[in-house]
Amino acid sequence: GLQEFAAAGEPPFIKVGDKVQKGQVLCIVEAMKLMNEIESDQTGTVVDIVAEDGKPVSLDTPLFVVQP
């Protein structure tokens, strides 16, 4: 599932309106007990967080919308 927080009680990696750089970690996705950091594929501004924290996601499911 998707994890928007580094740890319980910590702030989210990103929020709508944040400026992000290409390669910046946006969230963590757990798959088969492995934690995978998901990085932005472009520099820009986060305009939407599509996936819900803690909910399962499928391969190729959009997680965020980042506008250049």
Protein backbone atom coordinates (compact mmCIF):
# COMPACT_ATOMS: atom_id res chain seq x y z
CA GLY A 1 0.00 0.00 0.00
CA LEU A 2 0.88 3.65 -0.29
CA GLN A 3 2.58 5.45 2.60
CA GLU A 4 2.69 9.23 2.47
CA PHE A 5 4.52 9.48 5.81
CA ALA A 6 8.09 8.47 6.67
CA ALA A 7 6.95 7.20 10.09
CA ALA A 8 3.98 7.50 12.44
CA GLY A 9 3.70 11.04 13.75
CA GLU A 10 5.99 12.42 11.04
CA PRO A 11 4.83 14.95 8.43
CA PRO A 12 4.00 13.66 4.93
CA PHE A 13 6.76 13.52 2.34
CA ILE A 14 4.83 16.06 0.23
CA LYS A 15 1.53 17.93 0.11
CA VAL A 16 -0.45 19.70 -2.61
CA GLY A 17 1.30 22.94 -3.55
CA ASP A 18 4.80 21.67 -2.76
CA LYS A 19 7.53 22.25 -5.31
CA VAL A 20 9.44 19.03 -6.06
CA GLN A 21 12.62 18.21 -7.93
CA LYS A 22 13.13 15.34 -10.36
CA GLY A 23 14.29 12.37 -8.29
CA GLN A 24 12.76 13.65 -5.02
CA VAL A 25 10.99 10.97 -2.94
CA LEU A 26 7.22 11.54 -3.02
CA CYS A 27 6.08 8.52 -1.01
CA ILE A 28 6.81 4.90 -0.18
CA VAL A 29 4.92 1.97 -1.66
CA GLU A 30 5.05 -1.36 0.15
CA ALA A 31 5.13 -4.40 -2.13
CA MET A 32 5.69 -7.92 -0.84
CA LYS A 33 7.05 -6.57 2.48
CA LEU A 34 9.59 -4.37 0.66
CA MET A 35 9.45 -0.59 1.00
CA ASN A 36 9.98 1.14 -2.36
CA GLU A 37 10.66 4.86 -2.56
CA ILE A 38 8.69 6.50 -5.37
CA GLU A 39 10.53 9.44 -6.92
CA SER A 40 9.20 12.31 -9.00
CA ASP A 41 9.93 11.88 -12.71
CA GLN A 42 9.98 15.65 -13.23
CA THR A 43 10.55 18.98 -11.51
CA GLY A 44 7.36 20.92 -10.81
CA THR A 45 4.51 21.56 -8.39
CA VAL A 46 2.29 18.89 -6.82
CA VAL A 47 -1.27 19.79 -7.88
CA ASP A 48 -3.06 16.61 -6.73
CA ILE A 49 -2.49 13.54 -4.58
CA VAL A 50 -4.55 10.86 -6.32
CA ALA A 51 -3.87 7.79 -4.16
CA GLU A 52 -5.01 7.54 -0.54
CA ASP A 53 -2.55 6.95 2.30
CA GLY A 54 -2.58 3.32 3.44
CA LYS A 55 -4.70 2.10 0.53
CA PRO A 56 -3.54 -0.55 -1.97
CA VAL A 57 -2.38 0.65 -5.38
CA SER A 58 -1.90 -1.26 -8.63
CA LEU A 59 0.98 -1.14 -11.07
CA ASP A 60 0.74 1.93 -13.33
CA THR A 61 -1.84 3.60 -11.02
CA PRO A 62 -1.26 7.37 -10.93
CA LEU A 63 -0.28 8.45 -7.41
CA PHE A 64 0.37 12.18 -7.87
CA VAL A 65 -0.10 14.92 -10.43
CA VAL A 66 3.00 17.11 -10.83
CA GLN A 67 2.87 20.06 -13.23
CA PRO A 68 6.12 21.46 -14.61
